[in-house]
Amino acid sequence: MPAALKGDALSAHHRHLPDWEIVEEHHIHRVFRFPDFQRALDFVNRVGALAEEAGHHPDVFLTWGRAEITIYTHSVNGLTEKDFALAGKINALHG
């Protein structure tokens, strides 16, 4: 099991995903905005399918015009390369 990323290693991964916020070196979080509920829901459904395919499941919050995604690796109680890879794939879904 890989150890959680910290310090410089964490910063190096974050440079590739500047739209994501690192929170307490524990998880990454991003808010995605949409013009209506249906587009936010469609995005969340695509994120869910991607998460199932990857076997890595983020926390998802859906409301009118907004989806919030939080990612971390539960088994290490922190961030790993796998989290940043999933975030990159989620970014690609948003366009």
PDB file of N, CA and C in Angstrom:
ATOM      1  N   MET A   1       0.848  -1.178   0.000  1.00  0.00           N
ATOM      2  CA  MET A   1       0.000   0.000   0.000  1.00  0.00           C
ATOM      3  C   MET A   1       0.897   1.245   0.000  1.00  0.00           C
ATOM      4  N   PRO A   2       0.686   2.154  -0.947  1.00  0.00           N
ATOM      5  CA  PRO A   2       1.505   3.377  -0.970  1.00  0.00           C
ATOM      6  C   PRO A   2       1.154   4.288   0.210  1.00  0.00           C
ATOM      7  N   ALA A   3       2.131   5.069   0.615  1.00  0.00           N
ATOM      8  CA  ALA A   3       1.897   6.040   1.685  1.00  0.00           C
ATOM      9  C   ALA A   3       1.211   7.269   1.102  1.00  0.00           C
ATOM     10  N   ALA A   4       0.525   8.007   1.945  1.00  0.00           N
ATOM     11  CA  ALA A   4      -0.120   9.249   1.515  1.00  0.00           C
ATOM     12  C   ALA A   4       0.938  10.262   1.085  1.00  0.00           C
ATOM     13  N   LEU A   5       0.630  10.996   0.029  1.00  0.00           N
ATOM     14  CA  LEU A   5       1.523  12.047  -0.453  1.00  0.00           C
ATOM     15  C   LEU A   5       1.521  13.217   0.515  1.00  0.00           C
ATOM     16  N   LYS A   6       2.681  13.804   0.715  1.00  0.00           N
ATOM     17  CA  LYS A   6       2.821  14.961   1.599  1.00  0.00           C
ATOM     18  C   LYS A   6       3.821  15.940   0.980  1.00  0.00           C
ATOM     19  N   GLY A   7       3.788  17.167   1.423  1.00  0.00           N
ATOM     20  CA  GLY A   7       4.800  18.163   1.083  1.00  0.00           C
ATOM     21  C   GLY A   7       5.041  18.346  -0.406  1.00  0.00           C
ATOM     22  N   ASP A   8       6.327  18.269  -0.793  1.00  0.00           N
ATOM     23  CA  ASP A   8       6.725  18.519  -2.176  1.00  0.00           C
ATOM     24  C   ASP A   8       6.100  17.522  -3.144  1.00  0.00           C
ATOM     25  N   ALA A   9       5.982  16.272  -2.745  1.00  0.00           N
ATOM     26  CA  ALA A   9       5.377  15.268  -3.623  1.00  0.00           C
ATOM     27  C   ALA A   9       3.919  15.620  -3.909  1.00  0.00           C
ATOM     28  N   LEU A  10       3.232  16.097  -2.923  1.00  0.00           N
ATOM     29  CA  LEU A  10       1.840  16.514  -3.083  1.00  0.00           C
ATOM     30  C   LEU A  10       1.749  17.747  -3.985  1.00  0.00           C
ATOM     31  N   SER A  11       2.632  18.708  -3.768  1.00  0.00           N
ATOM     32  CA  SER A  11       2.650  19.925  -4.585  1.00  0.00           C
ATOM     33  C   SER A  11       2.942  19.613  -6.043  1.00  0.00           C
ATOM     34  N   ALA A  12       3.810  18.664  -6.294  1.00  0.00           N
ATOM     35  CA  ALA A  12       4.157  18.302  -7.670  1.00  0.00           C
ATOM     36  C   ALA A  12       2.942  17.781  -8.423  1.00  0.00           C
ATOM     37  N   HIS A  13       2.124  16.980  -7.788  1.00  0.00           N
ATOM     38  CA  HIS A  13       0.903  16.475  -8.421  1.00  0.00           C
ATOM     39  C   HIS A  13      -0.132  17.583  -8.590  1.00  0.00           C
ATOM     40  N   HIS A  14      -0.199  18.467  -7.620  1.00  0.00           N
ATOM     41  CA  HIS A  14      -1.195  19.534  -7.644  1.00  0.00           C
ATOM     42  C   HIS A  14      -0.948  20.513  -8.797  1.00  0.00           C
ATOM     43  N   ARG A  15       0.290  20.706  -9.201  1.00  0.00           N
ATOM     44  CA  ARG A  15       0.607  21.628 -10.302  1.00  0.00           C
ATOM     45  C   ARG A  15      -0.146  21.276 -11.578  1.00  0.00           C
ATOM     46  N   HIS A  16      -0.447  20.003 -11.770  1.00  0.00           N
ATOM     47  CA  HIS A  16      -1.139  19.555 -12.978  1.00  0.00           C
ATOM     48  C   HIS A  16      -2.653  19.726 -12.882  1.00  0.00           C
ATOM     49  N   LEU A  17      -3.150  20.008 -11.685  1.00  0.00           N
ATOM     50  CA  LEU A  17      -4.596  20.146 -11.462  1.00  0.00           C
ATOM     51  C   LEU A  17      -4.884  21.378 -10.593  1.00  0.00           C
ATOM     52  N   PRO A  18      -4.532  22.565 -11.091  1.00  0.00           N
ATOM     53  CA  PRO A  18      -4.656  23.762 -10.244  1.00  0.00           C
ATOM     54  C   PRO A  18      -6.091  24.141  -9.877  1.00  0.00           C
ATOM     55  N   ASP A  19      -7.091  23.618 -10.594  1.00  0.00           N
ATOM     56  CA  ASP A  19      -8.479  23.933 -10.262  1.00  0.00           C
ATOM     57  C   ASP A  19      -8.966  23.178  -9.024  1.00  0.00           C
ATOM     58  N   TRP A  20      -8.205  22.193  -8.597  1.00  0.00           N
ATOM     59  CA  TRP A  20      -8.568  21.416  -7.417  1.00  0.00           C
ATOM     60  C   TRP A  20      -7.869  22.019  -6.208  1.00  0.00           C
ATOM     61  N   GLU A  21      -8.584  22.091  -5.110  1.00  0.00           N
ATOM     62  CA  GLU A  21      -8.036  22.606  -3.857  1.00  0.00           C
ATOM     63  C   GLU A  21      -7.558  21.431  -3.006  1.00  0.00           C
ATOM     64  N   ILE A  22      -6.358  21.537  -2.495  1.00  0.00           N
ATOM     65  CA  ILE A  22      -5.873  20.546  -1.528  1.00  0.00           C
ATOM     66  C   ILE A  22      -6.307  21.021  -0.152  1.00  0.00           C
ATOM     67  N   VAL A  23      -6.972  20.152   0.592  1.00  0.00           N
ATOM     68  CA  VAL A  23      -7.476  20.502   1.911  1.00  0.00           C
ATOM     69  C   VAL A  23      -6.716  19.692   2.958  1.00  0.00           C
ATOM     70  N   GLU A  24      -5.936  20.405   3.771  1.00  0.00           N
ATOM     71  CA  GLU A  24      -5.197  19.834   4.908  1.00  0.00           C
ATOM     72  C   GLU A  24      -4.341  18.629   4.524  1.00  0.00           C
ATOM     73  N   GLU A  25      -3.799  18.636   3.306  1.00  0.00           N
ATOM     74  CA  GLU A  25      -2.981  17.528   2.796  1.00  0.00           C
ATOM     75  C   GLU A  25      -3.699  16.187   2.911  1.00  0.00           C
ATOM     76  N   HIS A  26      -5.030  16.220   2.962  1.00  0.00           N
ATOM     77  CA  HIS A  26      -5.810  15.005   3.163  1.00  0.00           C
ATOM     78  C   HIS A  26      -6.686  14.649   1.968  1.00  0.00           C
ATOM     79  N   HIS A  27      -7.309  15.650   1.345  1.00  0.00           N
ATOM     80  CA  HIS A  27      -8.188  15.380   0.214  1.00  0.00           C
ATOM     81  C   HIS A  27      -8.139  16.543  -0.772  1.00  0.00           C
ATOM     82  N   ILE A  28      -8.619  16.276  -1.985  1.00  0.00           N
ATOM     83  CA  ILE A  28      -8.745  17.337  -2.978  1.00  0.00           C
ATOM     84  C   ILE A  28     -10.223  17.566  -3.239  1.00  0.00           C
ATOM     85  N   HIS A  29     -10.541  18.806  -3.572  1.00  0.00           N
ATOM     86  CA  HIS A  29     -11.937  19.221  -3.701  1.00  0.00           C
ATOM     87  C   HIS A  29     -12.053  20.204  -4.862  1.00  0.00           C
ATOM     88  N   ARG A  30     -13.130  20.065  -5.622  1.00  0.00           N
ATOM     89  CA  ARG A  30     -13.406  21.018  -6.702  1.00  0.00           C
ATOM     90  C   ARG A  30     -14.907  21.198  -6.847  1.00  0.00           C
ATOM     91  N   VAL A  31     -15.292  22.431  -7.150  1.00  0.00           N
ATOM     92  CA  VAL A  31     -16.686  22.765  -7.442  1.00  0.00           C
ATOM     93  C   VAL A  31     -16.804  22.948  -8.954  1.00  0.00           C
ATOM     94  N   PHE A  32     -17.753  22.252  -9.550  1.00  0.00           N
ATOM     95  CA  PHE A  32     -18.064  22.380 -10.974  1.00  0.00           C
ATOM     96  C   PHE A  32     -19.407  23.076 -11.079  1.00  0.00           C
ATOM     97  N   ARG A  33     -19.502  24.074 -11.953  1.00  0.00           N
ATOM     98  CA  ARG A  33     -20.739  24.852 -12.098  1.00  0.00           C
ATOM     99  C   ARG A  33     -21.397  24.561 -13.449  1.00  0.00           C
ATOM    100  N   PHE A  34     -22.733  24.592 -13.442  1.00  0.00           N
ATOM    101  CA  PHE A  34     -23.540  24.272 -14.620  1.00  0.00           C
ATOM    102  C   PHE A  34     -24.707  25.246 -14.705  1.00  0.00           C
ATOM    103  N   PRO A  35     -25.292  25.411 -15.897  1.00  0.00           N
ATOM    104  CA  PRO A  35     -26.391  26.361 -16.042  1.00  0.00           C
ATOM    105  C   PRO A  35     -27.725  25.877 -15.479  1.00  0.00           C
ATOM    106  N   ASP A  36     -27.821  24.583 -15.121  1.00  0.00           N
ATOM    107  CA  ASP A  36     -29.084  24.072 -14.591  1.00  0.00           C
ATOM    108  C   ASP A  36     -28.845  22.753 -13.857  1.00  0.00           C
ATOM    109  N   PHE A  37     -29.896  22.245 -13.259  1.00  0.00           N
ATOM    110  CA  PHE A  37     -29.800  21.002 -12.493  1.00  0.00           C
ATOM    111  C   PHE A  37     -29.505  19.801 -13.387  1.00  0.00           C
ATOM    112  N   GLN A  38     -30.173  19.720 -14.537  1.00  0.00           N
ATOM    113  CA  GLN A  38     -30.030  18.554 -15.402  1.00  0.00           C
ATOM    114  C   GLN A  38     -28.593  18.361 -15.873  1.00  0.00           C
ATOM    115  N   ARG A  39     -27.922  19.434 -16.237  1.00  0.00           N
ATOM    116  CA  ARG A  39     -26.523  19.299 -16.697  1.00  0.00           C
ATOM    117  C   ARG A  39     -25.608  18.903 -15.547  1.00  0.00           C
ATOM    118  N   ALA A  40     -25.877  19.398 -14.368  1.00  0.00           N
ATOM    119  CA  ALA A  40     -25.097  18.982 -13.198  1.00  0.00           C
ATOM    120  C   ALA A  40     -25.332  17.502 -12.916  1.00  0.00           C
ATOM    121  N   LEU A  41     -26.575  17.062 -13.015  1.00  0.00           N
ATOM    122  CA  LEU A  41     -26.907  15.654 -12.798  1.00  0.00           C
ATOM    123  C   LEU A  41     -26.244  14.762 -13.850  1.00  0.00           C
ATOM    124  N   ASP A  42     -26.287  15.179 -15.109  1.00  0.00           N
ATOM    125  CA  ASP A  42     -25.638  14.404 -16.171  1.00  0.00           C
ATOM    126  C   ASP A  42     -24.146  14.245 -15.890  1.00  0.00           C
ATOM    127  N   PHE A  43     -23.508  15.321 -15.443  1.00  0.00           N
ATOM    128  CA  PHE A  43     -22.087  15.283 -15.104  1.00  0.00           C
ATOM    129  C   PHE A  43     -21.837  14.305 -13.959  1.00  0.00           C
ATOM    130  N   VAL A  44     -22.643  14.395 -12.918  1.00  0.00           N
ATOM    131  CA  VAL A  44     -22.489  13.497 -11.768  1.00  0.00           C
ATOM    132  C   VAL A  44     -22.658  12.042 -12.197  1.00  0.00           C
ATOM    133  N   ASN A  45     -23.589  11.770 -13.072  1.00  0.00           N
ATOM    134  CA  ASN A  45     -23.767  10.396 -13.563  1.00  0.00           C
ATOM    135  C   ASN A  45     -22.544   9.920 -14.339  1.00  0.00           C
ATOM    136  N   ARG A  46     -21.938  10.799 -15.129  1.00  0.00           N
ATOM    137  CA  ARG A  46     -20.713  10.431 -15.857  1.00  0.00           C
ATOM    138  C   ARG A  46     -19.555  10.209 -14.885  1.00  0.00           C
ATOM    139  N   VAL A  47     -19.474  11.031 -13.849  1.00  0.00           N
ATOM    140  CA  VAL A  47     -18.448  10.847 -12.814  1.00  0.00           C
ATOM    141  C   VAL A  47     -18.650   9.495 -12.128  1.00  0.00           C
ATOM    142  N   GLY A  48     -19.899   9.154 -11.835  1.00  0.00           N
ATOM    143  CA  GLY A  48     -20.194   7.875 -11.195  1.00  0.00           C
ATOM    144  C   GLY A  48     -19.773   6.699 -12.050  1.00  0.00           C
ATOM    145  N   ALA A  49     -20.037   6.761 -13.347  1.00  0.00           N
ATOM    146  CA  ALA A  49     -19.634   5.679 -14.248  1.00  0.00           C
ATOM    147  C   ALA A  49     -18.110   5.572 -14.311  1.00  0.00           C
ATOM    148  N   LEU A  50     -17.439   6.709 -14.370  1.00  0.00           N
ATOM    149  CA  LEU A  50     -15.973   6.725 -14.383  1.00  0.00           C
ATOM    150  C   LEU A  50     -15.416   6.140 -13.092  1.00  0.00           C
ATOM    151  N   ALA A  51     -16.004   6.494 -11.968  1.00  0.00           N
ATOM    152  CA  ALA A  51     -15.552   5.988 -10.673  1.00  0.00           C
ATOM    153  C   ALA A  51     -15.726   4.476 -10.581  1.00  0.00           C
ATOM    154  N   GLU A  52     -16.838   3.973 -11.062  1.00  0.00           N
ATOM    155  CA  GLU A  52     -17.061   2.524 -11.066  1.00  0.00           C
ATOM    156  C   GLU A  52     -16.008   1.824 -11.913  1.00  0.00           C
ATOM    157  N   GLU A  53     -15.745   2.379 -13.077  1.00  0.00           N
ATOM    158  CA  GLU A  53     -14.745   1.802 -13.978  1.00  0.00           C
ATOM    159  C   GLU A  53     -13.358   1.791 -13.331  1.00  0.00           C
ATOM    160  N   ALA A  54     -13.030   2.876 -12.617  1.00  0.00           N
ATOM    161  CA  ALA A  54     -11.717   3.000 -11.976  1.00  0.00           C
ATOM    162  C   ALA A  54     -11.640   2.238 -10.653  1.00  0.00           C
ATOM    163  N   GLY A  55     -12.792   1.884 -10.083  1.00  0.00           N
ATOM    164  CA  GLY A  55     -12.789   1.253  -8.767  1.00  0.00           C
ATOM    165  C   GLY A  55     -12.318   2.209  -7.681  1.00  0.00           C
ATOM    166  N   HIS A  56     -12.567   3.484  -7.891  1.00  0.00           N
ATOM    167  CA  HIS A  56     -12.138   4.529  -6.946  1.00  0.00           C
ATOM    168  C   HIS A  56     -13.270   5.553  -6.884  1.00  0.00           C
ATOM    169  N   HIS A  57     -13.855   5.734  -5.715  1.00  0.00           N
ATOM    170  CA  HIS A  57     -15.124   6.443  -5.605  1.00  0.00           C
ATOM    171  C   HIS A  57     -15.008   7.736  -4.809  1.00  0.00           C
ATOM    172  N   PRO A  58     -15.239   8.864  -5.465  1.00  0.00           N
ATOM    173  CA  PRO A  58     -15.188  10.152  -4.767  1.00  0.00           C
ATOM    174  C   PRO A  58     -16.468  10.414  -3.989  1.00  0.00           C
ATOM    175  N   ASP A  59     -16.405  11.393  -3.113  1.00  0.00           N
ATOM    176  CA  ASP A  59     -17.613  11.916  -2.477  1.00  0.00           C
ATOM    177  C   ASP A  59     -18.188  12.947  -3.440  1.00  0.00           C
ATOM    178  N   VAL A  60     -19.490  12.886  -3.661  1.00  0.00           N
ATOM    179  CA  VAL A  60     -20.141  13.752  -4.634  1.00  0.00           C
ATOM    180  C   VAL A  60     -21.319  14.464  -3.967  1.00  0.00           C
ATOM    181  N   PHE A  61     -21.382  15.770  -4.172  1.00  0.00           N
ATOM    182  CA  PHE A  61     -22.499  16.572  -3.688  1.00  0.00           C
ATOM    183  C   PHE A  61     -23.120  17.249  -4.903  1.00  0.00           C
ATOM    184  N   LEU A  62     -24.413  17.094  -5.081  1.00  0.00           N
ATOM    185  CA  LEU A  62     -25.133  17.640  -6.221  1.00  0.00           C
ATOM    186  C   LEU A  62     -26.207  18.602  -5.742  1.00  0.00           C
ATOM    187  N   THR A  63     -26.272  19.753  -6.369  1.00  0.00           N
ATOM    188  CA  THR A  63     -27.339  20.709  -6.118  1.00  0.00           C
ATOM    189  C   THR A  63     -27.610  21.440  -7.427  1.00  0.00           C
ATOM    190  N   TRP A  64     -28.589  22.328  -7.434  1.00  0.00           N
ATOM    191  CA  TRP A  64     -28.939  23.026  -8.659  1.00  0.00           C
ATOM    192  C   TRP A  64     -27.733  23.793  -9.192  1.00  0.00           C
ATOM    193  N   GLY A  65     -27.289  23.429 -10.413  1.00  0.00           N
ATOM    194  CA  GLY A  65     -26.219  24.152 -11.084  1.00  0.00           C
ATOM    195  C   GLY A  65     -24.825  23.920 -10.547  1.00  0.00           C
ATOM    196  N   ARG A  66     -24.668  22.941  -9.661  1.00  0.00           N
ATOM    197  CA  ARG A  66     -23.344  22.735  -9.048  1.00  0.00           C
ATOM    198  C   ARG A  66     -23.156  21.285  -8.643  1.00  0.00           C
ATOM    199  N   ALA A  67     -21.941  20.801  -8.883  1.00  0.00           N
ATOM    200  CA  ALA A  67     -21.524  19.497  -8.373  1.00  0.00           C
ATOM    201  C   ALA A  67     -20.181  19.693  -7.677  1.00  0.00           C
ATOM    202  N   GLU A  68     -20.079  19.171  -6.468  1.00  0.00           N
ATOM    203  CA  GLU A  68     -18.819  19.250  -5.729  1.00  0.00           C
ATOM    204  C   GLU A  68     -18.254  17.844  -5.607  1.00  0.00           C
ATOM    205  N   ILE A  69     -16.967  17.721  -5.894  1.00  0.00           N
ATOM    206  CA  ILE A  69     -16.301  16.423  -5.858  1.00  0.00           C
ATOM    207  C   ILE A  69     -15.160  16.497  -4.848  1.00  0.00           C
ATOM    208  N   THR A  70     -15.092  15.516  -3.967  1.00  0.00           N
ATOM    209  CA  THR A  70     -14.007  15.386  -3.000  1.00  0.00           C
ATOM    210  C   THR A  70     -13.398  14.002  -3.170  1.00  0.00           C
ATOM    211  N   ILE A  71     -12.078  13.960  -3.259  1.00  0.00           N
ATOM    212  CA  ILE A  71     -11.388  12.690  -3.500  1.00  0.00           C
ATOM    213  C   ILE A  71     -10.264  12.510  -2.488  1.00  0.00           C
ATOM    214  N   TYR A  72     -10.157  11.304  -1.966  1.00  0.00           N
ATOM    215  CA  TYR A  72      -8.979  10.865  -1.212  1.00  0.00           C
ATOM    216  C   TYR A  72      -9.008   9.347  -1.155  1.00  0.00           C
ATOM    217  N   THR A  73      -7.903   8.769  -0.758  1.00  0.00           N
ATOM    218  CA  THR A  73      -7.803   7.315  -0.666  1.00  0.00           C
ATOM    219  C   THR A  73      -8.053   6.901   0.780  1.00  0.00           C
ATOM    220  N   HIS A  74      -9.154   6.217   0.997  1.00  0.00           N
ATOM    221  CA  HIS A  74      -9.558   5.831   2.354  1.00  0.00           C
ATOM    222  C   HIS A  74      -8.525   4.930   3.030  1.00  0.00           C
ATOM    223  N   SER A  75      -7.921   4.026   2.282  1.00  0.00           N
ATOM    224  CA  SER A  75      -7.009   3.047   2.889  1.00  0.00           C
ATOM    225  C   SER A  75      -5.742   3.674   3.463  1.00  0.00           C
ATOM    226  N   VAL A  76      -5.350   4.853   2.965  1.00  0.00           N
ATOM    227  CA  VAL A  76      -4.180   5.543   3.519  1.00  0.00           C
ATOM    228  C   VAL A  76      -4.589   6.820   4.253  1.00  0.00           C
ATOM    229  N   ASN A  77      -5.900   7.091   4.277  1.00  0.00           N
ATOM    230  CA  ASN A  77      -6.439   8.288   4.918  1.00  0.00           C
ATOM    231  C   ASN A  77      -5.730   9.554   4.438  1.00  0.00           C
ATOM    232  N   GLY A  78      -5.577   9.635   3.119  1.00  0.00           N
ATOM    233  CA  GLY A  78      -4.916  10.793   2.525  1.00  0.00           C
ATOM    234  C   GLY A  78      -4.898  10.671   1.017  1.00  0.00           C
ATOM    235  N   LEU A  79      -3.995  11.407   0.405  1.00  0.00           N
ATOM    236  CA  LEU A  79      -3.929  11.480  -1.051  1.00  0.00           C
ATOM    237  C   LEU A  79      -2.834  10.602  -1.634  1.00  0.00           C
ATOM    238  N   THR A  80      -3.166   9.972  -2.757  1.00  0.00           N
ATOM    239  CA  THR A  80      -2.200   9.172  -3.510  1.00  0.00           C
ATOM    240  C   THR A  80      -2.256   9.598  -4.977  1.00  0.00           C
ATOM    241  N   GLU A  81      -1.359   9.055  -5.773  1.00  0.00           N
ATOM    242  CA  GLU A  81      -1.361   9.330  -7.212  1.00  0.00           C
ATOM    243  C   GLU A  81      -2.699   8.956  -7.839  1.00  0.00           C
ATOM    244  N   LYS A  82      -3.323   7.916  -7.320  1.00  0.00           N
ATOM    245  CA  LYS A  82      -4.611   7.461  -7.845  1.00  0.00           C
ATOM    246  C   LYS A  82      -5.679   8.558  -7.753  1.00  0.00           C
ATOM    247  N   ASP A  83      -5.628   9.357  -6.701  1.00  0.00           N
ATOM    248  CA  ASP A  83      -6.594  10.440  -6.523  1.00  0.00           C
ATOM    249  C   ASP A  83      -6.420  11.517  -7.597  1.00  0.00           C
ATOM    250  N   PHE A  84      -5.175  11.855  -7.871  1.00  0.00           N
ATOM    251  CA  PHE A  84      -4.911  12.875  -8.882  1.00  0.00           C
ATOM    252  C   PHE A  84      -5.234  12.358 -10.282  1.00  0.00           C
ATOM    253  N   ALA A  85      -5.023  11.083 -10.524  1.00  0.00           N
ATOM    254  CA  ALA A  85      -5.386  10.500 -11.818  1.00  0.00           C
ATOM    255  C   ALA A  85      -6.898  10.574 -12.019  1.00  0.00           C
ATOM    256  N   LEU A  86      -7.665  10.245 -10.993  1.00  0.00           N
ATOM    257  CA  LEU A  86      -9.120  10.330 -11.093  1.00  0.00           C
ATOM    258  C   LEU A  86      -9.568  11.776 -11.293  1.00  0.00           C
ATOM    259  N   ALA A  87      -8.964  12.702 -10.587  1.00  0.00           N
ATOM    260  CA  ALA A  87      -9.315  14.120 -10.741  1.00  0.00           C
ATOM    261  C   ALA A  87      -9.070  14.586 -12.174  1.00  0.00           C
ATOM    262  N   GLY A  88      -7.989  14.144 -12.776  1.00  0.00           N
ATOM    263  CA  GLY A  88      -7.696  14.504 -14.154  1.00  0.00           C
ATOM    264  C   GLY A  88      -8.749  13.973 -15.111  1.00  0.00           C
ATOM    265  N   LYS A  89      -9.200  12.757 -14.871  1.00  0.00           N
ATOM    266  CA  LYS A  89     -10.250  12.170 -15.711  1.00  0.00           C
ATOM    267  C   LYS A  89     -11.580  12.891 -15.520  1.00  0.00           C
ATOM    268  N   ILE A  90     -11.859  13.308 -14.294  1.00  0.00           N
ATOM    269  CA  ILE A  90     -13.091  14.064 -14.027  1.00  0.00           C
ATOM    270  C   ILE A  90     -13.015  15.425 -14.724  1.00  0.00           C
ATOM    271  N   ASN A  91     -11.862  16.065 -14.697  1.00  0.00           N
ATOM    272  CA  ASN A  91     -11.701  17.335 -15.413  1.00  0.00           C
ATOM    273  C   ASN A  91     -12.028  17.158 -16.887  1.00  0.00           C
ATOM    274  N   ALA A  92     -11.565  16.070 -17.479  1.00  0.00           N
ATOM    275  CA  ALA A  92     -11.796  15.815 -18.902  1.00  0.00           C
ATOM    276  C   ALA A  92     -13.301  15.664 -19.198  1.00  0.00           C
ATOM    277  N   LEU A  93     -14.061  15.128 -18.257  1.00  0.00           N
ATOM    278  CA  LEU A  93     -15.507  15.004 -18.441  1.00  0.00           C
ATOM    279  C   LEU A  93     -16.188  16.366 -18.493  1.00  0.00           C
ATOM    280  N   HIS A  94     -15.633  17.298 -17.760  1.00  0.00           N
ATOM    281  CA  HIS A  94     -16.242  18.636 -17.671  1.00  0.00           C
ATOM    282  C   HIS A  94     -15.935  19.480 -18.903  1.00  0.00           C
ATOM    283  N   GLY A  95     -14.850  19.150 -19.573  1.00  0.00           N
ATOM    284  CA  GLY A  95     -14.518  19.846 -20.817  1.00  0.00           C
ATOM    285  C   GLY A  95     -13.737  21.051 -20.689  1.00  0.00           C
TER     286      GLY A  95
END
